[in-house]
PDB file of N, CA and C in Angstrom:
ATOM      1  N   MET A   1      64.048 134.496 124.129  1.00  0.00           N
ATOM      2  CA  MET A   1      65.465 134.687 124.304  1.00  0.00           C
ATOM      3  C   MET A   1      65.690 136.059 124.925  1.00  0.00           C
ATOM      4  N   ALA A   2      66.506 136.115 125.945  1.00  0.00           N
ATOM      5  CA  ALA A   2      66.785 137.366 126.633  1.00  0.00           C
ATOM      6  C   ALA A   2      67.693 138.226 125.782  1.00  0.00           C
ATOM      7  N   THR A   3      67.469 139.522 125.826  1.00  0.00           N
ATOM      8  CA  THR A   3      68.381 140.415 125.141  1.00  0.00           C
ATOM      9  C   THR A   3      69.528 140.724 126.061  1.00  0.00           C
ATOM     10  N   HIS A   4      70.647 141.020 125.485  1.00  0.00           N
ATOM     11  CA  HIS A   4      71.841 141.248 126.278  1.00  0.00           C
ATOM     12  C   HIS A   4      72.106 142.743 126.339  1.00  0.00           C
ATOM     13  N   SER A   5      72.374 143.245 127.526  1.00  0.00           N
ATOM     14  CA  SER A   5      72.485 144.676 127.706  1.00  0.00           C
ATOM     15  C   SER A   5      73.912 145.202 127.638  1.00  0.00           C
ATOM     16  N   HIS A   6      74.908 144.344 127.492  1.00  0.00           N
ATOM     17  CA  HIS A   6      76.274 144.829 127.438  1.00  0.00           C
ATOM     18  C   HIS A   6      76.520 145.527 126.115  1.00  0.00           C
ATOM     19  N   SER A   7      77.524 146.392 126.082  1.00  0.00           N
ATOM     20  CA  SER A   7      77.736 147.233 124.921  1.00  0.00           C
ATOM     21  C   SER A   7      78.619 146.604 123.858  1.00  0.00           C
ATOM     22  N   HIS A   8      78.943 145.340 123.965  1.00  0.00           N
ATOM     23  CA  HIS A   8      79.784 144.709 122.964  1.00  0.00           C
ATOM     24  C   HIS A   8      79.022 144.550 121.666  1.00  0.00           C
ATOM     25  N   SER A   9      79.740 144.721 120.568  1.00  0.00           N
ATOM     26  CA  SER A   9      79.106 144.488 119.286  1.00  0.00           C
ATOM     27  C   SER A   9      78.991 142.990 119.059  1.00  0.00           C
ATOM     28  N   PRO A  10      78.031 142.579 118.255  1.00  0.00           N
ATOM     29  CA  PRO A  10      77.851 141.151 118.014  1.00  0.00           C
ATOM     30  C   PRO A  10      79.119 140.539 117.436  1.00  0.00           C
ATOM     31  N   ALA A  11      79.354 139.291 117.781  1.00  0.00           N
ATOM     32  CA  ALA A  11      80.524 138.592 117.253  1.00  0.00           C
ATOM     33  C   ALA A  11      80.373 138.461 115.755  1.00  0.00           C
ATOM     34  N   THR A  12      81.449 138.710 115.058  1.00  0.00           N
ATOM     35  CA  THR A  12      81.415 138.517 113.628  1.00  0.00           C
ATOM     36  C   THR A  12      82.016 137.161 113.328  1.00  0.00           C
ATOM     37  N   HIS A  13      81.520 136.556 112.300  1.00  0.00           N
ATOM     38  CA  HIS A  13      82.035 135.266 111.902  1.00  0.00           C
ATOM     39  C   HIS A  13      83.058 135.502 110.806  1.00  0.00           C
ATOM     40  N   PRO A  14      84.355 135.361 111.144  1.00  0.00           N
ATOM     41  CA  PRO A  14      85.373 135.623 110.139  1.00  0.00           C
ATOM     42  C   PRO A  14      85.225 134.661 108.967  1.00  0.00           C
ATOM     43  N   LYS A  15      85.424 135.187 107.770  1.00  0.00           N
ATOM     44  CA  LYS A  15      85.371 134.305 106.608  1.00  0.00           C
ATOM     45  C   LYS A  15      86.717 133.605 106.476  1.00  0.00           C
ATOM     46  N   ALA A  16      86.682 132.451 105.890  1.00  0.00           N
ATOM     47  CA  ALA A  16      87.929 131.728 105.672  1.00  0.00           C
ATOM     48  C   ALA A  16      88.783 132.520 104.693  1.00  0.00           C
ATOM     49  N   PRO A  17      90.051 132.772 105.040  1.00  0.00           N
ATOM     50  CA  PRO A  17      90.890 133.561 104.153  1.00  0.00           C
ATOM     51  C   PRO A  17      91.252 132.764 102.901  1.00  0.00           C
ATOM     52  N   SER A  18      91.495 133.492 101.843  1.00  0.00           N
ATOM     53  CA  SER A  18      91.914 132.825 100.617  1.00  0.00           C
ATOM     54  C   SER A  18      93.382 132.434 100.735  1.00  0.00           C
ATOM     55  N   THR A  19      93.831 131.594  99.839  1.00  0.00           N
ATOM     56  CA  THR A  19      95.220 131.144  99.900  1.00  0.00           C
ATOM     57  C   THR A  19      96.188 132.271  99.588  1.00  0.00           C
ATOM     58  N   SER A  20      95.703 133.390  99.060  1.00  0.00           N
ATOM     59  CA  SER A  20      96.587 134.504  98.751  1.00  0.00           C
ATOM     60  C   SER A  20      96.836 135.421  99.945  1.00  0.00           C
ATOM     61  N   ASP A  21      96.153 135.213 101.063  1.00  0.00           N
ATOM     62  CA  ASP A  21      96.377 136.033 102.258  1.00  0.00           C
ATOM     63  C   ASP A  21      97.797 135.830 102.758  1.00  0.00           C
ATOM     64  N   SER A  22      98.412 136.906 103.253  1.00  0.00           N
ATOM     65  CA  SER A  22      99.789 136.797 103.710  1.00  0.00           C
ATOM     66  C   SER A  22      99.923 135.991 104.996  1.00  0.00           C
ATOM     67  N   LEU A  23      98.926 136.019 105.873  1.00  0.00           N
ATOM     68  CA  LEU A  23      98.957 135.250 107.113  1.00  0.00           C
ATOM     69  C   LEU A  23      97.714 134.367 107.184  1.00  0.00           C
ATOM     70  N   PRO A  24      97.736 133.235 106.509  1.00  0.00           N
ATOM     71  CA  PRO A  24      96.529 132.401 106.497  1.00  0.00           C
ATOM     72  C   PRO A  24      96.212 131.854 107.884  1.00  0.00           C
ATOM     73  N   HIS A  25      94.928 131.748 108.178  1.00  0.00           N
ATOM     74  CA  HIS A  25      94.454 131.157 109.428  1.00  0.00           C
ATOM     75  C   HIS A  25      94.011 129.735 109.145  1.00  0.00           C
ATOM     76  N   CYS A  26      94.212 128.888 110.097  1.00  0.00           N
ATOM     77  CA  CYS A  26      93.675 127.528 110.028  1.00  0.00           C
ATOM     78  C   CYS A  26      92.214 127.585 110.441  1.00  0.00           C
ATOM     79  N   THR A  27      91.461 126.604 110.025  1.00  0.00           N
ATOM     80  CA  THR A  27      90.056 126.533 110.405  1.00  0.00           C
ATOM     81  C   THR A  27      89.909 126.521 111.917  1.00  0.00           C
ATOM     82  N   LEU A  28      90.779 125.795 112.633  1.00  0.00           N
ATOM     83  CA  LEU A  28      90.711 125.755 114.092  1.00  0.00           C
ATOM     84  C   LEU A  28      90.955 127.136 114.686  1.00  0.00           C
ATOM     85  N   GLU A  29      91.911 127.869 114.125  1.00  0.00           N
ATOM     86  CA  GLU A  29      92.164 129.223 114.634  1.00  0.00           C
ATOM     87  C   GLU A  29      90.949 130.120 114.437  1.00  0.00           C
ATOM     88  N   LEU A  30      90.271 129.986 113.317  1.00  0.00           N
ATOM     89  CA  LEU A  30      89.052 130.766 113.077  1.00  0.00           C
ATOM     90  C   LEU A  30      87.969 130.383 114.078  1.00  0.00           C
ATOM     91  N   ALA A  31      87.816 129.087 114.348  1.00  0.00           N
ATOM     92  CA  ALA A  31      86.819 128.632 115.319  1.00  0.00           C
ATOM     93  C   ALA A  31      87.136 129.194 116.702  1.00  0.00           C
ATOM     94  N   LEU A  32      88.391 129.187 117.087  1.00  0.00           N
ATOM     95  CA  LEU A  32      88.787 129.731 118.395  1.00  0.00           C
ATOM     96  C   LEU A  32      88.520 131.228 118.464  1.00  0.00           C
ATOM     97  N   GLU A  33      88.780 131.938 117.379  1.00  0.00           N
ATOM     98  CA  GLU A  33      88.497 133.373 117.344  1.00  0.00           C
ATOM     99  C   GLU A  33      87.007 133.637 117.533  1.00  0.00           C
ATOM    100  N   ILE A  34      86.164 132.823 116.925  1.00  0.00           N
ATOM    101  CA  ILE A  34      84.716 132.964 117.075  1.00  0.00           C
ATOM    102  C   ILE A  34      84.306 132.716 118.525  1.00  0.00           C
ATOM    103  N   ILE A  35      84.872 131.690 119.158  1.00  0.00           N
ATOM    104  CA  ILE A  35      84.563 131.390 120.563  1.00  0.00           C
ATOM    105  C   ILE A  35      84.946 132.559 121.456  1.00  0.00           C
ATOM    106  N   VAL A  36      86.120 133.135 121.237  1.00  0.00           N
ATOM    107  CA  VAL A  36      86.556 134.292 122.028  1.00  0.00           C
ATOM    108  C   VAL A  36      85.611 135.466 121.791  1.00  0.00           C
ATOM    109  N   ASN A  37      85.216 135.698 120.547  1.00  0.00           N
ATOM    110  CA  ASN A  37      84.295 136.792 120.240  1.00  0.00           C
ATOM    111  C   ASN A  37      82.945 136.589 120.929  1.00  0.00           C
ATOM    112  N   ILE A  38      82.449 135.365 120.940  1.00  0.00           N
ATOM    113  CA  ILE A  38      81.175 135.088 121.620  1.00  0.00           C
ATOM    114  C   ILE A  38      81.325 135.335 123.116  1.00  0.00           C
ATOM    115  N   TYR A  39      82.420 134.852 123.709  1.00  0.00           N
ATOM    116  CA  TYR A  39      82.682 135.110 125.134  1.00  0.00           C
ATOM    117  C   TYR A  39      82.647 136.611 125.411  1.00  0.00           C
ATOM    118  N   HIS A  40      83.308 137.396 124.563  1.00  0.00           N
ATOM    119  CA  HIS A  40      83.357 138.847 124.776  1.00  0.00           C
ATOM    120  C   HIS A  40      82.004 139.520 124.573  1.00  0.00           C
ATOM    121  N   GLN A  41      81.125 138.918 123.802  1.00  0.00           N
ATOM    122  CA  GLN A  41      79.771 139.459 123.663  1.00  0.00           C
ATOM    123  C   GLN A  41      79.041 139.456 124.995  1.00  0.00           C
ATOM    124  N   PHE A  42      79.328 138.479 125.833  1.00  0.00           N
ATOM    125  CA  PHE A  42      78.574 138.286 127.069  1.00  0.00           C
ATOM    126  C   PHE A  42      79.346 138.660 128.327  1.00  0.00           C
ATOM    127  N   ALA A  43      80.645 138.850 128.240  1.00  0.00           N
ATOM    128  CA  ALA A  43      81.471 139.183 129.408  1.00  0.00           C
ATOM    129  C   ALA A  43      81.689 140.687 129.466  1.00  0.00           C
ATOM    130  N   PRO A  44      81.113 141.349 130.473  1.00  0.00           N
ATOM    131  CA  PRO A  44      81.337 142.789 130.591  1.00  0.00           C
ATOM    132  C   PRO A  44      82.801 143.069 130.876  1.00  0.00           C
ATOM    133  N   ARG A  45      83.331 144.068 130.246  1.00  0.00           N
ATOM    134  CA  ARG A  45      84.745 144.400 130.429  1.00  0.00           C
ATOM    135  C   ARG A  45      84.888 145.534 131.427  1.00  0.00           C
ATOM    136  N   GLU A  46      85.750 145.328 132.387  1.00  0.00           N
ATOM    137  CA  GLU A  46      86.075 146.352 133.388  1.00  0.00           C
ATOM    138  C   GLU A  46      87.578 146.556 133.285  1.00  0.00           C
ATOM    139  N   GLY A  47      87.995 147.636 132.664  1.00  0.00           N
ATOM    140  CA  GLY A  47      89.423 147.802 132.441  1.00  0.00           C
ATOM    141  C   GLY A  47      89.901 146.744 131.470  1.00  0.00           C
ATOM    142  N   LYS A  48      90.942 146.001 131.848  1.00  0.00           N
ATOM    143  CA  LYS A  48      91.464 144.960 130.958  1.00  0.00           C
ATOM    144  C   LYS A  48      90.910 143.573 131.282  1.00  0.00           C
ATOM    145  N   ASP A  49      90.167 143.457 132.374  1.00  0.00           N
ATOM    146  CA  ASP A  49      89.634 142.166 132.785  1.00  0.00           C
ATOM    147  C   ASP A  49      88.230 141.965 132.234  1.00  0.00           C
ATOM    148  N   ASP A  50      87.918 140.720 131.947  1.00  0.00           N
ATOM    149  CA  ASP A  50      86.553 140.403 131.533  1.00  0.00           C
ATOM    150  C   ASP A  50      86.159 139.081 132.164  1.00  0.00           C
ATOM    151  N   PHE A  51      84.920 139.039 132.661  1.00  0.00           N
ATOM    152  CA  PHE A  51      84.419 137.889 133.398  1.00  0.00           C
ATOM    153  C   PHE A  51      82.976 137.620 133.016  1.00  0.00           C
ATOM    154  N   LEU A  52      82.540 136.385 133.233  1.00  0.00           N
ATOM    155  CA  LEU A  52      81.129 136.028 133.080  1.00  0.00           C
ATOM    156  C   LEU A  52      80.522 135.824 134.455  1.00  0.00           C
ATOM    157  N   SER A  53      79.415 136.481 134.715  1.00  0.00           N
ATOM    158  CA  SER A  53      78.631 136.188 135.910  1.00  0.00           C
ATOM    159  C   SER A  53      77.737 134.989 135.576  1.00  0.00           C
ATOM    160  N   LEU A  54      77.041 134.473 136.564  1.00  0.00           N
ATOM    161  CA  LEU A  54      76.082 133.399 136.313  1.00  0.00           C
ATOM    162  C   LEU A  54      75.020 133.862 135.317  1.00  0.00           C
ATOM    163  N   LYS A  55      74.554 135.086 135.480  1.00  0.00           N
ATOM    164  CA  LYS A  55      73.548 135.638 134.559  1.00  0.00           C
ATOM    165  C   LYS A  55      74.102 135.713 133.135  1.00  0.00           C
ATOM    166  N   ASP A  56      75.355 136.197 133.006  1.00  0.00           N
ATOM    167  CA  ASP A  56      75.980 136.294 131.686  1.00  0.00           C
ATOM    168  C   ASP A  56      76.104 134.916 131.034  1.00  0.00           C
ATOM    169  N   MET A  57      76.564 133.937 131.819  1.00  0.00           N
ATOM    170  CA  MET A  57      76.746 132.594 131.273  1.00  0.00           C
ATOM    171  C   MET A  57      75.402 131.977 130.896  1.00  0.00           C
ATOM    172  N   THR A  58      74.384 132.228 131.693  1.00  0.00           N
ATOM    173  CA  THR A  58      73.045 131.727 131.380  1.00  0.00           C
ATOM    174  C   THR A  58      72.572 132.286 130.043  1.00  0.00           C
ATOM    175  N   GLU A  59      72.734 133.590 129.842  1.00  0.00           N
ATOM    176  CA  GLU A  59      72.341 134.213 128.572  1.00  0.00           C
ATOM    177  C   GLU A  59      73.147 133.642 127.413  1.00  0.00           C
ATOM    178  N   LEU A  60      74.447 133.456 127.612  1.00  0.00           N
ATOM    179  CA  LEU A  60      75.305 132.907 126.570  1.00  0.00           C
ATOM    180  C   LEU A  60      74.829 131.511 126.171  1.00  0.00           C
ATOM    181  N   LEU A  61      74.626 130.638 127.147  1.00  0.00           N
ATOM    182  CA  LEU A  61      74.222 129.268 126.826  1.00  0.00           C
ATOM    183  C   LEU A  61      72.830 129.203 126.208  1.00  0.00           C
ATOM    184  N   LYS A  62      71.906 129.996 126.717  1.00  0.00           N
ATOM    185  CA  LYS A  62      70.545 129.960 126.164  1.00  0.00           C
ATOM    186  C   LYS A  62      70.503 130.465 124.728  1.00  0.00           C
ATOM    187  N   SER A  63      71.330 131.437 124.398  1.00  0.00           N
ATOM    188  CA  SER A  63      71.298 131.971 123.035  1.00  0.00           C
ATOM    189  C   SER A  63      72.251 131.249 122.086  1.00  0.00           C
ATOM    190  N   GLN A  64      73.345 130.708 122.596  1.00  0.00           N
ATOM    191  CA  GLN A  64      74.362 130.127 121.730  1.00  0.00           C
ATOM    192  C   GLN A  64      74.442 128.603 121.776  1.00  0.00           C
ATOM    193  N   ALA A  65      73.787 127.959 122.748  1.00  0.00           N
ATOM    194  CA  ALA A  65      73.876 126.499 122.872  1.00  0.00           C
ATOM    195  C   ALA A  65      72.523 125.863 123.201  1.00  0.00           C
ATOM    196  N   PRO A  66      71.461 126.226 122.471  1.00  0.00           N
ATOM    197  CA  PRO A  66      70.142 125.677 122.798  1.00  0.00           C
ATOM    198  C   PRO A  66      70.054 124.166 122.595  1.00  0.00           C
ATOM    199  N   THR A  67      70.757 123.605 121.624  1.00  0.00           N
ATOM    200  CA  THR A  67      70.735 122.154 121.393  1.00  0.00           C
ATOM    201  C   THR A  67      71.347 121.428 122.582  1.00  0.00           C
ATOM    202  N   PHE A  68      72.426 121.971 123.114  1.00  0.00           N
ATOM    203  CA  PHE A  68      73.070 121.407 124.299  1.00  0.00           C
ATOM    204  C   PHE A  68      72.113 121.421 125.483  1.00  0.00           C
ATOM    205  N   LEU A  69      71.465 122.564 125.714  1.00  0.00           N
ATOM    206  CA  LEU A  69      70.575 122.694 126.873  1.00  0.00           C
ATOM    207  C   LEU A  69      69.298 121.864 126.744  1.00  0.00           C
ATOM    208  N   ALA A  70      68.891 121.559 125.525  1.00  0.00           N
ATOM    209  CA  ALA A  70      67.647 120.810 125.323  1.00  0.00           C
ATOM    210  C   ALA A  70      67.793 119.328 125.646  1.00  0.00           C
ATOM    211  N   ALA A  71      69.019 118.827 125.690  1.00  0.00           N
ATOM    212  CA  ALA A  71      69.246 117.397 125.913  1.00  0.00           C
ATOM    213  C   ALA A  71      69.512 117.095 127.385  1.00  0.00           C
ATOM    214  N   CYS A  72      69.279 115.873 127.761  1.00  0.00           N
ATOM    215  CA  CYS A  72      69.734 115.325 129.053  1.00  0.00           C
ATOM    216  C   CYS A  72      69.200 116.068 130.268  1.00  0.00           C
ATOM    217  N   ASN A  73      68.022 116.638 130.163  1.00  0.00           N
ATOM    218  CA  ASN A  73      67.428 117.374 131.286  1.00  0.00           C
ATOM    219  C   ASN A  73      68.287 118.570 131.722  1.00  0.00           C
ATOM    220  N   ARG A  74      69.062 119.117 130.789  1.00  0.00           N
ATOM    221  CA  ARG A  74      69.905 120.276 131.106  1.00  0.00           C
ATOM    222  C   ARG A  74      69.094 121.557 131.219  1.00  0.00           C
ATOM    223  N   ASN A  75      67.839 121.521 130.825  1.00  0.00           N
ATOM    224  CA  ASN A  75      66.998 122.710 130.932  1.00  0.00           C
ATOM    225  C   ASN A  75      66.384 122.858 132.316  1.00  0.00           C
ATOM    226  N   ARG A  76      66.750 121.960 133.251  1.00  0.00           N
ATOM    227  CA  ARG A  76      66.237 122.089 134.623  1.00  0.00           C
ATOM    228  C   ARG A  76      66.830 123.353 135.248  1.00  0.00           C
ATOM    229  N   PRO A  77      66.133 123.953 136.187  1.00  0.00           N
ATOM    230  CA  PRO A  77      66.545 125.251 136.737  1.00  0.00           C
ATOM    231  C   PRO A  77      67.953 125.302 137.346  1.00  0.00           C
ATOM    232  N   ASP A  78      68.427 124.215 137.913  1.00  0.00           N
ATOM    233  CA  ASP A  78      69.715 124.260 138.605  1.00  0.00           C
ATOM    234  C   ASP A  78      70.904 123.826 137.754  1.00  0.00           C
ATOM    235  N   TYR A  79      70.680 123.381 136.513  1.00  0.00           N
ATOM    236  CA  TYR A  79      71.779 122.822 135.721  1.00  0.00           C
ATOM    237  C   TYR A  79      72.863 123.860 135.421  1.00  0.00           C
ATOM    238  N   ILE A  80      72.488 125.018 134.909  1.00  0.00           N
ATOM    239  CA  ILE A  80      73.492 126.023 134.548  1.00  0.00           C
ATOM    240  C   ILE A  80      74.239 126.491 135.800  1.00  0.00           C
ATOM    241  N   LYS A  81      73.515 126.635 136.895  1.00  0.00           N
ATOM    242  CA  LYS A  81      74.162 127.028 138.149  1.00  0.00           C
ATOM    243  C   LYS A  81      75.198 125.984 138.576  1.00  0.00           C
ATOM    244  N   HIS A  82      74.854 124.711 138.447  1.00  0.00           N
ATOM    245  CA  HIS A  82      75.774 123.619 138.775  1.00  0.00           C
ATOM    246  C   HIS A  82      77.015 123.678 137.873  1.00  0.00           C
ATOM    247  N   LEU A  83      76.812 123.857 136.576  1.00  0.00           N
ATOM    248  CA  LEU A  83      77.909 123.942 135.618  1.00  0.00           C
ATOM    249  C   LEU A  83      78.807 125.143 135.938  1.00  0.00           C
ATOM    250  N   PHE A  84      78.184 126.258 136.282  1.00  0.00           N
ATOM    251  CA  PHE A  84      78.923 127.478 136.630  1.00  0.00           C
ATOM    252  C   PHE A  84      79.794 127.237 137.866  1.00  0.00           C
ATOM    253  N   LYS A  85      79.209 126.641 138.898  1.00  0.00           N
ATOM    254  CA  LYS A  85      79.956 126.400 140.141  1.00  0.00           C
ATOM    255  C   LYS A  85      81.138 125.460 139.922  1.00  0.00           C
ATOM    256  N   LYS A  86      80.956 124.435 139.084  1.00  0.00           N
ATOM    257  CA  LYS A  86      82.058 123.524 138.772  1.00  0.00           C
ATOM    258  C   LYS A  86      83.197 124.252 138.058  1.00  0.00           C
ATOM    259  N   ALA A  87      82.860 125.190 137.189  1.00  0.00           N
ATOM    260  CA  ALA A  87      83.875 125.914 136.420  1.00  0.00           C
ATOM    261  C   ALA A  87      84.549 127.017 137.233  1.00  0.00           C
ATOM    262  N   ASP A  88      83.852 127.560 138.238  1.00  0.00           N
ATOM    263  CA  ASP A  88      84.366 128.671 139.046  1.00  0.00           C
ATOM    264  C   ASP A  88      85.392 128.148 140.060  1.00  0.00           C
ATOM    265  N   VAL A  89      86.547 127.789 139.560  1.00  0.00           N
ATOM    266  CA  VAL A  89      87.587 127.146 140.368  1.00  0.00           C
ATOM    267  C   VAL A  89      88.019 128.019 141.543  1.00  0.00           C
ATOM    268  N   ASP A  90      88.174 129.313 141.308  1.00  0.00           N
ATOM    269  CA  ASP A  90      88.652 130.202 142.382  1.00  0.00           C
ATOM    270  C   ASP A  90      87.522 130.729 143.271  1.00  0.00           C
ATOM    271  N   LYS A  91      86.297 130.291 143.007  1.00  0.00           N
ATOM    272  CA  LYS A  91      85.121 130.612 143.834  1.00  0.00           C
ATOM    273  C   LYS A  91      84.888 132.116 144.007  1.00  0.00           C
ATOM    274  N   THR A  92      85.056 132.866 142.909  1.00  0.00           N
ATOM    275  CA  THR A  92      84.832 134.315 142.958  1.00  0.00           C
ATOM    276  C   THR A  92      83.417 134.705 142.554  1.00  0.00           C
ATOM    277  N   GLY A  93      82.645 133.759 142.037  1.00  0.00           N
ATOM    278  CA  GLY A  93      81.305 134.086 141.564  1.00  0.00           C
ATOM    279  C   GLY A  93      81.305 134.667 140.168  1.00  0.00           C
ATOM    280  N   GLN A  94      82.432 134.562 139.493  1.00  0.00           N
ATOM    281  CA  GLN A  94      82.529 134.996 138.100  1.00  0.00           C
ATOM    282  C   GLN A  94      83.566 134.122 137.406  1.00  0.00           C
ATOM    283  N   LEU A  95      83.388 133.929 136.100  1.00  0.00           N
ATOM    284  CA  LEU A  95      84.294 133.065 135.365  1.00  0.00           C
ATOM    285  C   LEU A  95      85.251 133.880 134.516  1.00  0.00           C
ATOM    286  N   THR A  96      86.529 133.566 134.637  1.00  0.00           N
ATOM    287  CA  THR A  96      87.511 134.089 133.699  1.00  0.00           C
ATOM    288  C   THR A  96      87.357 133.313 132.401  1.00  0.00           C
ATOM    289  N   PHE A  97      88.010 133.749 131.348  1.00  0.00           N
ATOM    290  CA  PHE A  97      87.943 132.986 130.107  1.00  0.00           C
ATOM    291  C   PHE A  97      88.519 131.592 130.323  1.00  0.00           C
ATOM    292  N   GLU A  98      89.605 131.494 131.060  1.00  0.00           N
ATOM    293  CA  GLU A  98      90.203 130.177 131.334  1.00  0.00           C
ATOM    294  C   GLU A  98      89.208 129.266 132.047  1.00  0.00           C
ATOM    295  N   GLU A  99      88.490 129.787 133.021  1.00  0.00           N
ATOM    296  CA  GLU A  99      87.477 128.977 133.704  1.00  0.00           C
ATOM    297  C   GLU A  99      86.344 128.609 132.739  1.00  0.00           C
ATOM    298  N   PHE A 100      85.977 129.550 131.873  1.00  0.00           N
ATOM    299  CA  PHE A 100      84.919 129.284 130.897  1.00  0.00           C
ATOM    300  C   PHE A 100      85.295 128.140 129.962  1.00  0.00           C
ATOM    301  N   THR A 101      86.597 127.939 129.735  1.00  0.00           N
ATOM    302  CA  THR A 101      86.996 126.842 128.850  1.00  0.00           C
ATOM    303  C   THR A 101      86.553 125.492 129.412  1.00  0.00           C
ATOM    304  N   LYS A 102      86.347 125.397 130.709  1.00  0.00           N
ATOM    305  CA  LYS A 102      85.829 124.159 131.307  1.00  0.00           C
ATOM    306  C   LYS A 102      84.380 123.925 130.855  1.00  0.00           C
ATOM    307  N   VAL A 103      83.611 124.995 130.769  1.00  0.00           N
ATOM    308  CA  VAL A 103      82.242 124.901 130.255  1.00  0.00           C
ATOM    309  C   VAL A 103      82.289 124.561 128.768  1.00  0.00           C
ATOM    310  N   PHE A 104      83.175 125.229 128.053  1.00  0.00           N
ATOM    311  CA  PHE A 104      83.311 124.967 126.624  1.00  0.00           C
ATOM    312  C   PHE A 104      83.692 123.503 126.370  1.00  0.00           C
ATOM    313  N   ALA A 105      84.530 122.926 127.217  1.00  0.00           N
ATOM    314  CA  ALA A 105      84.914 121.516 127.057  1.00  0.00           C
ATOM    315  C   ALA A 105      83.689 120.609 127.148  1.00  0.00           C
ATOM    316  N   VAL A 106      82.760 120.921 128.047  1.00  0.00           N
ATOM    317  CA  VAL A 106      81.526 120.138 128.177  1.00  0.00           C
ATOM    318  C   VAL A 106      80.686 120.294 126.907  1.00  0.00           C
ATOM    319  N   LEU A 107      80.594 121.513 126.385  1.00  0.00           N
ATOM    320  CA  LEU A 107      79.848 121.754 125.147  1.00  0.00           C
ATOM    321  C   LEU A 107      80.475 120.997 123.977  1.00  0.00           C
ATOM    322  N   ALA A 108      81.810 121.058 123.884  1.00  0.00           N
ATOM    323  CA  ALA A 108      82.510 120.398 122.784  1.00  0.00           C
ATOM    324  C   ALA A 108      82.361 118.881 122.870  1.00  0.00           C
ATOM    325  N   ASP A 109      82.447 118.334 124.072  1.00  0.00           N
ATOM    326  CA  ASP A 109      82.279 116.897 124.242  1.00  0.00           C
ATOM    327  C   ASP A 109      80.871 116.474 123.822  1.00  0.00           C
ATOM    328  N   ASP A 110      79.876 117.256 124.193  1.00  0.00           N
ATOM    329  CA  ASP A 110      78.499 116.948 123.813  1.00  0.00           C
ATOM    330  C   ASP A 110      78.345 116.993 122.288  1.00  0.00           C
ATOM    331  N   ALA A 111      78.927 118.012 121.643  1.00  0.00           N
ATOM    332  CA  ALA A 111      78.845 118.120 120.187  1.00  0.00           C
ATOM    333  C   ALA A 111      79.536 116.931 119.519  1.00  0.00           C
ATOM    334  N   HIS A 112      80.649 116.493 120.092  1.00  0.00           N
ATOM    335  CA  HIS A 112      81.358 115.341 119.538  1.00  0.00           C
ATOM    336  C   HIS A 112      80.513 114.081 119.661  1.00  0.00           C
ATOM    337  N   ARG A 113      79.908 113.870 120.817  1.00  0.00           N
ATOM    338  CA  ARG A 113      79.041 112.707 121.010  1.00  0.00           C
ATOM    339  C   ARG A 113      77.856 112.759 120.034  1.00  0.00           C
ATOM    340  N   LEU A 114      77.283 113.942 119.864  1.00  0.00           N
ATOM    341  CA  LEU A 114      76.163 114.118 118.943  1.00  0.00           C
ATOM    342  C   LEU A 114      76.586 113.771 117.513  1.00  0.00           C
ATOM    343  N   SER A 115      77.795 114.160 117.121  1.00  0.00           N
ATOM    344  CA  SER A 115      78.274 113.892 115.762  1.00  0.00           C
ATOM    345  C   SER A 115      78.409 112.398 115.488  1.00  0.00           C
ATOM    346  N   HIS A 116      78.619 111.602 116.544  1.00  0.00           N
ATOM    347  CA  HIS A 116      78.748 110.157 116.400  1.00  0.00           C
ATOM    348  C   HIS A 116      77.447 109.413 116.718  1.00  0.00           C
ATOM    349  N   GLY A 117      76.414 110.150 117.072  1.00  0.00           N
ATOM    350  CA  GLY A 117      75.158 109.516 117.438  1.00  0.00           C
ATOM    351  C   GLY A 117      75.252 108.750 118.747  1.00  0.00           C
ATOM    352  N   GLU A 118      76.183 109.139 119.606  1.00  0.00           N
ATOM    353  CA  GLU A 118      76.392 108.458 120.882  1.00  0.00           C
ATOM    354  C   GLU A 118      75.461 108.999 121.953  1.00  0.00           C
ATOM    355  N   ASP A 119      75.378 108.258 123.058  1.00  0.00           N
ATOM    356  CA  ASP A 119      74.589 108.692 124.214  1.00  0.00           C
ATOM    357  C   ASP A 119      75.202 109.964 124.778  1.00  0.00           C
ATOM    358  N   ARG A 120      74.426 111.030 124.818  1.00  0.00           N
ATOM    359  CA  ARG A 120      74.894 112.314 125.329  1.00  0.00           C
ATOM    360  C   ARG A 120      74.611 112.454 126.810  1.00  0.00           C
ATOM    361  N   CYS A 121      73.915 111.509 127.409  1.00  0.00           N
ATOM    362  CA  CYS A 121      73.368 111.702 128.747  1.00  0.00           C
ATOM    363  C   CYS A 121      73.869 110.702 129.780  1.00  0.00           C
ATOM    364  N   GLY A 122      75.010 110.112 129.567  1.00  0.00           N
ATOM    365  CA  GLY A 122      75.544 109.158 130.533  1.00  0.00           C
ATOM    366  C   GLY A 122      76.019 109.837 131.803  1.00  0.00           C
ATOM    367  N   PRO A 123      76.377 109.060 132.813  1.00  0.00           N
ATOM    368  CA  PRO A 123      76.735 109.621 134.118  1.00  0.00           C
ATOM    369  C   PRO A 123      77.996 110.496 134.109  1.00  0.00           C
ATOM    370  N   HIS A 124      78.880 110.306 133.147  1.00  0.00           N
ATOM    371  CA  HIS A 124      80.128 111.075 133.128  1.00  0.00           C
ATOM    372  C   HIS A 124      80.171 112.061 131.954  1.00  0.00           C
ATOM    373  N   ASN A 125      79.044 112.382 131.382  1.00  0.00           N
ATOM    374  CA  ASN A 125      79.013 113.250 130.205  1.00  0.00           C
ATOM    375  C   ASN A 125      78.749 114.707 130.556  1.00  0.00           C
ATOM    376  N   ASP A 126      78.668 115.036 131.819  1.00  0.00           N
ATOM    377  CA  ASP A 126      78.485 116.436 132.227  1.00  0.00           C
ATOM    378  C   ASP A 126      79.413 116.755 133.355  1.00  0.00           C
TER     379      ASP A 126
END
């Protein structure tokens, strides 16, 4: 596993708040916060903007989504590049968080299929 050279601190996994908290979070909100924190671990920040390069996204997927990459021949050399290009809507060579959500949708769909024991490798599953 490659080490990441950006200066972001590791994402923390927020604990579920107790019912006595004044502003309780829903489980989905906690999951979204974790996803944003993971994105920020790998997206170098320049001023107020943060983006993922192909290298950043490759490191993120290899360290955070190994089960996803191990299936359906996704470990082939060009797969992550293909996924990156599909998500890079504005063709800048870097992904905004909004563009990254397209990659996240593919990951979430795969996890959902896995939870049901469905075929993860059909023609429209990537």
